[in-house]
Amino acid sequence: MQPLHIGELWMWFAFIVFVLAMLAVDLFVFGGRKAHRVSVREASCWVITWFALALAFAGLLWWYLNGEFGPEIAQRKTLEFLTGYLIEQSLSIDNMFIFVMIFGYFAVPPELQRRVLLYGVLGAIVMRGAMIFAGVWLVSQFTWLLYVFGVFLIITGIKMLVFAHQQPDLDKNPLLRWIHSHLRVTNGFHGERFFVMQNSRYWATPMFLVLVLIEASDLMFAVDSIPAIFAITTDPFIVFTSNIFAIMGLRALYFLLADMADRFHLLKYGLAIVLVFIGAKMTLMPWLHMPVEWSLAVVGGIILTSVLLSLILTRKEDKMRSL
């Protein structure tokens, strides 16, 4: 029996139009085209907005499916979306630590960070869309790939646990070395521009290097996060929408939490445990069936516990320093 896929053509069209409209609002209405430092208040408003939009989408999804297929299908698909959204949002938070490292390495002024992240979001949408459809097709043709994904996630999670305390050395990054050997790069920034004309030649700016690393980091994390959601559902519409909502909200979350990233030092361990849990769930599917709501509770509990423990330990360390 083939699994039920709910995404009709008009649903895909409507969702893509919605995403493009929200990007246009950000870019043309709320100052996305102007270089400015994102305040905590602005970032908080966008975080709340995207979270509320995700919940509203879940409500609309349940309402539509309840009328078309009945309450059982509506509840299952809505829970799949919410669980997928939580997983993707949680795993994408790891990107936040990478963004902090990249911007710090290049000393990117805060007022120049917003637009490069917007371009990063656009690139991530295209890349993840292609990877999602490729992944769904592969799983539909070769179901045994789910077990391969499961083992891969377990190994990735264990590696994250072992190396969570280590920071990548960008001085040795092969991608940066290749760009420096093939492109002329200016010494300083030129506003938000990626390329400038100097001495009748085009030069790349450090902002272009920042963009390349941000896109590369999202590609790297997509390799982990997209297989993870296949433990919950293989419905292309659910996988795509949950991924996009997580990506769209990540930029605002970065500006809200970037200055406090060091306070969530245990979150990486929580994310690693989430990957191991999801990988084990995928590997044991033939023998152990876990309801979607249980997965939602476990993932939420792991993330919440790691955040709370991070804050508690950070507060204790602050008190010890003050003595």
Protein backbone atom coordinates (compact mmCIF):
# COMPACT_ATOMS: atom_id res chain seq x y z
CA MET A 1 0.00 0.00 0.00
CA GLN A 2 1.43 3.35 -1.10
CA PRO A 3 1.59 6.07 1.58
CA LEU A 4 -0.83 8.95 1.21
CA HIS A 5 0.76 12.09 -0.25
CA ILE A 6 -1.42 15.14 0.24
CA GLY A 7 0.29 17.82 -1.83
CA GLU A 8 -1.96 18.82 -4.70
CA LEU A 9 -0.72 21.21 -7.38
CA TRP A 10 -2.67 24.19 -6.03
CA MET A 11 -1.23 23.58 -2.55
CA TRP A 12 2.32 23.67 -3.88
CA PHE A 13 1.57 26.81 -5.86
CA ALA A 14 -0.09 28.56 -2.93
CA PHE A 15 2.75 27.74 -0.54
CA ILE A 16 5.48 28.91 -2.94
CA VAL A 17 3.56 32.15 -3.57
CA PHE A 18 3.29 32.61 0.21
CA VAL A 19 7.06 32.14 0.69
CA LEU A 20 7.89 34.56 -2.14
CA ALA A 21 5.42 37.10 -0.74
CA MET A 22 7.00 36.90 2.73
CA LEU A 23 10.47 37.35 1.25
CA ALA A 24 9.21 40.36 -0.71
CA VAL A 25 7.70 41.85 2.45
CA ASP A 26 10.99 41.39 4.28
CA LEU A 27 13.02 42.83 1.40
CA PHE A 28 10.88 45.77 0.29
CA VAL A 29 8.68 46.66 3.27
CA PHE A 30 10.76 46.01 6.39
CA GLY A 31 14.10 47.31 5.21
CA GLY A 32 15.75 44.15 3.92
CA ARG A 33 17.38 46.19 1.13
CA LYS A 34 18.93 48.66 3.55
CA ALA A 35 21.97 47.87 5.63
CA HIS A 36 21.05 48.14 9.28
CA ARG A 37 21.70 46.39 12.55
CA VAL A 38 18.82 44.07 13.50
CA SER A 39 17.62 44.91 16.99
CA VAL A 40 16.53 42.33 19.55
CA ARG A 41 12.99 43.67 19.27
CA GLU A 42 12.93 43.29 15.48
CA ALA A 43 14.40 39.79 15.66
CA SER A 44 11.92 38.80 18.39
CA CYS A 45 8.99 39.99 16.28
CA TRP A 46 10.15 37.94 13.31
CA VAL A 47 10.76 34.82 15.44
CA ILE A 48 7.26 35.07 16.89
CA THR A 49 5.82 35.78 13.44
CA TRP A 50 7.36 32.71 11.84
CA PHE A 51 6.41 30.49 14.75
CA ALA A 52 2.82 31.78 14.60
CA LEU A 53 2.72 31.30 10.82
CA ALA A 54 3.91 27.69 11.20
CA LEU A 55 1.16 27.00 13.76
CA ALA A 56 -1.41 28.74 11.55
CA PHE A 57 -0.28 26.61 8.61
CA ALA A 58 -0.69 23.48 10.75
CA GLY A 59 -4.21 24.61 11.68
CA LEU A 60 -5.16 25.26 8.05
CA LEU A 61 -3.67 21.90 7.05
CA TRP A 62 -5.77 20.10 9.67
CA TRP A 63 -8.91 22.00 8.64
CA TYR A 64 -8.48 21.13 4.96
CA LEU A 65 -7.53 17.48 5.49
CA ASN A 66 -10.32 16.97 8.01
CA GLY A 67 -12.84 17.99 5.35
CA GLU A 68 -11.20 15.97 2.58
CA PHE A 69 -10.00 12.78 4.33
CA GLY A 70 -11.44 12.81 7.84
CA PRO A 71 -10.01 13.48 11.30
CA GLU A 72 -7.62 10.51 11.42
CA ILE A 73 -5.64 11.55 8.34
CA ALA A 74 -5.86 15.22 9.34
CA GLN A 75 -4.40 14.53 12.78
CA ARG A 76 -1.63 12.27 11.46
CA LYS A 77 -0.49 14.66 8.73
CA THR A 78 -0.65 17.69 11.00
CA LEU A 79 1.44 15.91 13.64
CA GLU A 80 3.89 14.90 10.92
CA PHE A 81 4.25 18.55 9.91
CA LEU A 82 4.68 19.77 13.50
CA THR A 83 7.21 17.04 14.34
CA GLY A 84 9.10 17.65 11.10
CA TYR A 85 9.11 21.39 11.77
CA LEU A 86 10.47 20.89 15.28
CA ILE A 87 13.18 18.51 14.05
CA GLU A 88 14.22 20.78 11.18
CA GLN A 89 14.13 23.90 13.36
CA SER A 90 16.17 22.17 16.05
CA LEU A 91 18.80 20.81 13.68
CA SER A 92 19.03 24.09 11.77
CA ILE A 93 19.95 25.84 15.03
CA ASP A 94 23.37 24.25 14.60
CA ASN A 95 23.70 26.58 11.60
CA MET A 96 23.45 29.47 14.04
CA PHE A 97 26.73 28.49 15.68
CA ILE A 98 28.36 28.30 12.25
CA PHE A 99 26.98 31.73 11.29
CA VAL A 100 28.45 33.20 14.48
CA MET A 101 31.84 31.66 13.66
CA ILE A 102 31.80 32.84 10.00
CA PHE A 103 30.77 36.41 10.80
CA GLY A 104 33.31 36.55 13.61
CA TYR A 105 36.13 35.20 11.44
CA PHE A 106 35.54 37.82 8.73
CA ALA A 107 34.62 40.54 11.27
CA VAL A 108 31.40 41.29 9.39
CA PRO A 109 29.74 44.42 10.84
CA PRO A 110 26.29 43.66 12.31
CA GLU A 111 24.59 46.05 9.86
CA LEU A 112 25.89 44.02 6.90
CA GLN A 113 24.78 40.61 8.13
CA ARG A 114 21.06 40.71 7.39
CA ARG A 115 21.15 40.85 3.60
CA VAL A 116 23.79 38.14 3.15
CA LEU A 117 21.62 35.85 5.28
CA LEU A 118 18.63 36.68 3.08
CA TYR A 119 20.58 35.50 0.03
CA GLY A 120 21.57 32.48 2.07
CA VAL A 121 17.90 31.70 2.69
CA LEU A 122 17.12 31.94 -1.03
CA GLY A 123 19.96 29.58 -1.89
CA ALA A 124 18.92 27.19 0.88
CA ILE A 125 15.34 27.03 -0.44
CA VAL A 126 16.55 26.04 -3.92
CA MET A 127 19.10 23.51 -2.63
CA ARG A 128 16.77 21.89 -0.13
CA GLY A 129 13.93 21.72 -2.63
CA ALA A 130 16.13 19.80 -5.06
CA MET A 131 17.48 17.52 -2.32
CA ILE A 132 14.01 16.82 -0.92
CA PHE A 133 12.55 15.76 -4.26
CA ALA A 134 15.63 13.66 -5.02
CA GLY A 135 15.42 12.05 -1.59
CA VAL A 136 11.69 11.32 -1.82
CA TRP A 137 12.14 9.76 -5.26
CA LEU A 138 15.04 7.61 -4.08
CA VAL A 139 13.15 6.40 -1.01
CA SER A 140 10.08 5.60 -3.13
CA GLN A 141 12.24 3.51 -5.46
CA PHE A 142 14.58 1.97 -2.89
CA THR A 143 12.91 1.71 0.51
CA TRP A 144 16.01 0.12 2.00
CA LEU A 145 17.66 3.56 1.77
CA LEU A 146 15.70 4.53 4.89
CA TYR A 147 17.85 2.11 6.88
CA VAL A 148 21.00 3.51 5.27
CA PHE A 149 19.85 7.01 6.28
CA GLY A 150 19.22 5.72 9.79
CA VAL A 151 22.73 4.30 10.16
CA PHE A 152 24.16 7.49 8.65
CA LEU A 153 22.31 9.64 11.21
CA ILE A 154 23.49 7.46 14.10
CA ILE A 155 27.12 7.78 12.96
CA THR A 156 26.71 11.54 12.41
CA GLY A 157 25.15 11.97 15.85
CA ILE A 158 27.96 10.05 17.53
CA LYS A 159 30.57 12.14 15.69
CA MET A 160 28.78 15.31 16.83
CA LEU A 161 28.88 14.07 20.43
CA VAL A 162 32.61 13.38 20.21
CA PHE A 163 33.60 16.59 18.41
CA ALA A 164 30.92 19.00 19.70
CA HIS A 165 33.50 21.03 21.63
CA GLN A 166 35.75 21.53 18.60
CA GLN A 167 35.49 24.52 16.25
CA PRO A 168 36.33 24.22 12.51
CA ASP A 169 39.53 26.02 11.48
CA LEU A 170 38.53 28.36 8.65
CA ASP A 171 42.18 29.17 7.92
CA LYS A 172 42.48 25.60 6.61
CA ASN A 173 39.11 25.52 4.85
CA PRO A 174 39.73 24.04 1.35
CA LEU A 175 36.85 26.00 -0.19
CA LEU A 176 38.30 29.32 0.98
CA ARG A 177 41.75 28.32 -0.22
CA TRP A 178 40.37 27.44 -3.66
CA ILE A 179 38.53 30.78 -3.96
CA HIS A 180 41.62 32.73 -2.94
CA SER A 181 43.67 30.87 -5.54
CA HIS A 182 41.17 31.50 -8.37
CA LEU A 183 39.65 34.91 -7.59
CA ARG A 184 40.97 38.35 -6.76
CA VAL A 185 39.63 39.28 -3.31
CA THR A 186 39.63 42.79 -1.85
CA ASN A 187 41.07 43.39 1.59
CA GLY A 188 38.00 45.14 2.99
CA PHE A 189 34.24 45.23 2.66
CA HIS A 190 32.45 47.40 0.12
CA GLY A 191 29.11 47.66 1.84
CA GLU A 192 26.90 44.69 1.00
CA ARG A 193 28.40 44.20 -2.47
CA PHE A 194 29.79 40.81 -3.47
CA PHE A 195 31.88 42.11 -6.40
CA VAL A 196 33.46 45.48 -7.21
CA MET A 197 35.32 46.96 -10.17
CA GLN A 198 38.90 47.99 -9.43
CA ASN A 199 41.53 48.87 -12.04
CA SER A 200 39.16 47.76 -14.80
CA ARG A 201 38.87 44.30 -13.23
CA TYR A 202 36.21 42.63 -11.13
CA TRP A 203 37.22 41.73 -7.60
CA ALA A 204 35.33 39.59 -5.14
CA THR A 205 34.78 41.07 -1.70
CA PRO A 206 34.99 39.25 1.65
CA MET A 207 31.17 39.40 1.67
CA PHE A 208 31.17 36.97 -1.28
CA LEU A 209 33.33 34.56 0.72
CA VAL A 210 30.88 34.86 3.62
CA LEU A 211 27.97 34.02 1.30
CA VAL A 212 29.78 30.98 -0.15
CA LEU A 213 30.53 29.62 3.32
CA ILE A 214 26.95 30.19 4.50
CA GLU A 215 25.57 28.32 1.48
CA ALA A 216 28.11 25.54 1.96
CA SER A 217 27.19 25.21 5.65
CA ASP A 218 23.50 24.90 4.82
CA LEU A 219 24.27 22.24 2.23
CA MET A 220 26.28 20.35 4.83
CA PHE A 221 23.50 20.53 7.42
CA ALA A 222 20.82 19.66 4.86
CA VAL A 223 22.58 16.32 4.34
CA ASP A 224 21.79 15.57 8.01
CA SER A 225 18.41 17.23 8.47
CA ILE A 226 16.57 16.07 5.34
CA PRO A 227 17.18 12.33 5.97
CA ALA A 228 16.10 12.93 9.59
CA ILE A 229 12.58 13.97 8.63
CA PHE A 230 12.16 10.77 6.58
CA ALA A 231 11.89 9.04 9.95
CA ILE A 232 8.61 10.93 10.36
CA THR A 233 7.20 11.11 6.84
CA THR A 234 8.09 10.70 3.17
CA ASP A 235 5.28 12.99 2.03
CA PRO A 236 7.05 15.57 -0.21
CA PHE A 237 4.67 18.40 0.74
CA ILE A 238 5.14 17.84 4.48
CA VAL A 239 8.92 17.49 4.13
CA PHE A 240 9.20 20.63 1.99
CA THR A 241 6.92 22.89 4.03
CA SER A 242 8.44 21.92 7.39
CA ASN A 243 11.94 22.54 5.99
CA ILE A 244 11.04 25.92 4.52
CA PHE A 245 9.35 27.17 7.69
CA ALA A 246 12.47 26.19 9.67
CA ILE A 247 14.80 27.92 7.19
CA MET A 248 12.71 31.09 7.02
CA GLY A 249 12.67 31.41 10.79
CA LEU A 250 16.37 30.64 11.27
CA ARG A 251 17.63 34.06 10.19
CA ALA A 252 15.52 35.87 12.78
CA LEU A 253 16.52 33.29 15.41
CA TYR A 254 20.18 33.99 14.65
CA PHE A 255 19.81 37.71 15.25
CA LEU A 256 17.92 37.01 18.47
CA LEU A 257 20.36 34.50 19.94
CA ALA A 258 23.72 35.23 18.27
CA ASP A 259 25.05 37.25 21.19
CA MET A 260 24.02 34.47 23.58
CA ALA A 261 25.25 31.50 21.54
CA ASP A 262 27.92 30.66 24.11
CA ARG A 263 25.18 30.27 26.74
CA PHE A 264 23.70 27.31 24.82
CA HIS A 265 26.90 25.26 24.77
CA LEU A 266 25.06 22.01 25.59
CA LEU A 267 22.61 22.41 22.72
CA LYS A 268 25.03 20.78 20.29
CA TYR A 269 25.02 17.66 22.47
CA GLY A 270 21.21 17.73 22.51
CA LEU A 271 21.12 17.97 18.71
CA ALA A 272 23.56 15.06 18.46
CA ILE A 273 21.31 12.94 20.70
CA VAL A 274 18.32 13.89 18.53
CA LEU A 275 20.17 12.61 15.45
CA VAL A 276 21.03 9.32 17.20
CA PHE A 277 17.42 8.93 18.35
CA ILE A 278 16.01 9.58 14.87
CA GLY A 279 18.58 7.30 13.26
CA ALA A 280 17.73 4.50 15.69
CA LYS A 281 14.03 5.03 15.03
CA MET A 282 14.60 4.68 11.27
CA THR A 283 16.82 1.61 11.67
CA LEU A 284 14.35 -0.17 13.97
CA MET A 285 11.21 0.65 11.96
CA PRO A 286 10.52 -2.97 10.93
CA TRP A 287 10.45 -4.08 14.58
CA LEU A 288 9.48 -0.98 16.55
CA HIS A 289 6.73 1.45 15.60
CA MET A 290 6.74 4.75 17.46
CA PRO A 291 3.70 7.03 17.04
CA VAL A 292 4.45 10.48 15.62
CA GLU A 293 3.30 12.21 18.81
CA TRP A 294 5.85 10.19 20.82
CA SER A 295 8.62 11.29 18.46
CA LEU A 296 7.46 14.88 18.85
CA ALA A 297 7.57 14.56 22.65
CA VAL A 298 11.02 12.91 22.71
CA VAL A 299 12.63 15.43 20.34
CA GLY A 300 11.04 18.37 22.16
CA GLY A 301 12.11 16.97 25.53
CA ILE A 302 15.74 16.50 24.43
CA ILE A 303 16.02 20.03 23.03
CA LEU A 304 14.30 21.62 26.04
CA THR A 305 16.49 19.69 28.49
CA SER A 306 19.72 20.68 26.71
CA VAL A 307 18.67 24.36 26.64
CA LEU A 308 17.69 24.40 30.33
CA LEU A 309 20.87 22.61 31.40
CA SER A 310 22.94 25.05 29.33
CA LEU A 311 21.34 28.03 31.04
CA ILE A 312 21.67 26.49 34.52
CA LEU A 313 25.36 25.63 34.06
CA THR A 314 26.11 29.03 32.51
CA ARG A 315 24.48 30.79 35.44
CA LYS A 316 26.55 28.73 37.89
CA GLU A 317 29.73 29.55 35.98
CA ASP A 318 28.85 33.26 36.04
CA LYS A 319 28.36 33.11 39.80
CA MET A 320 31.69 31.35 40.28
CA ARG A 321 33.49 34.04 38.24
CA SER A 322 31.86 36.80 40.28
CA LEU A 323 33.15 35.37 43.57
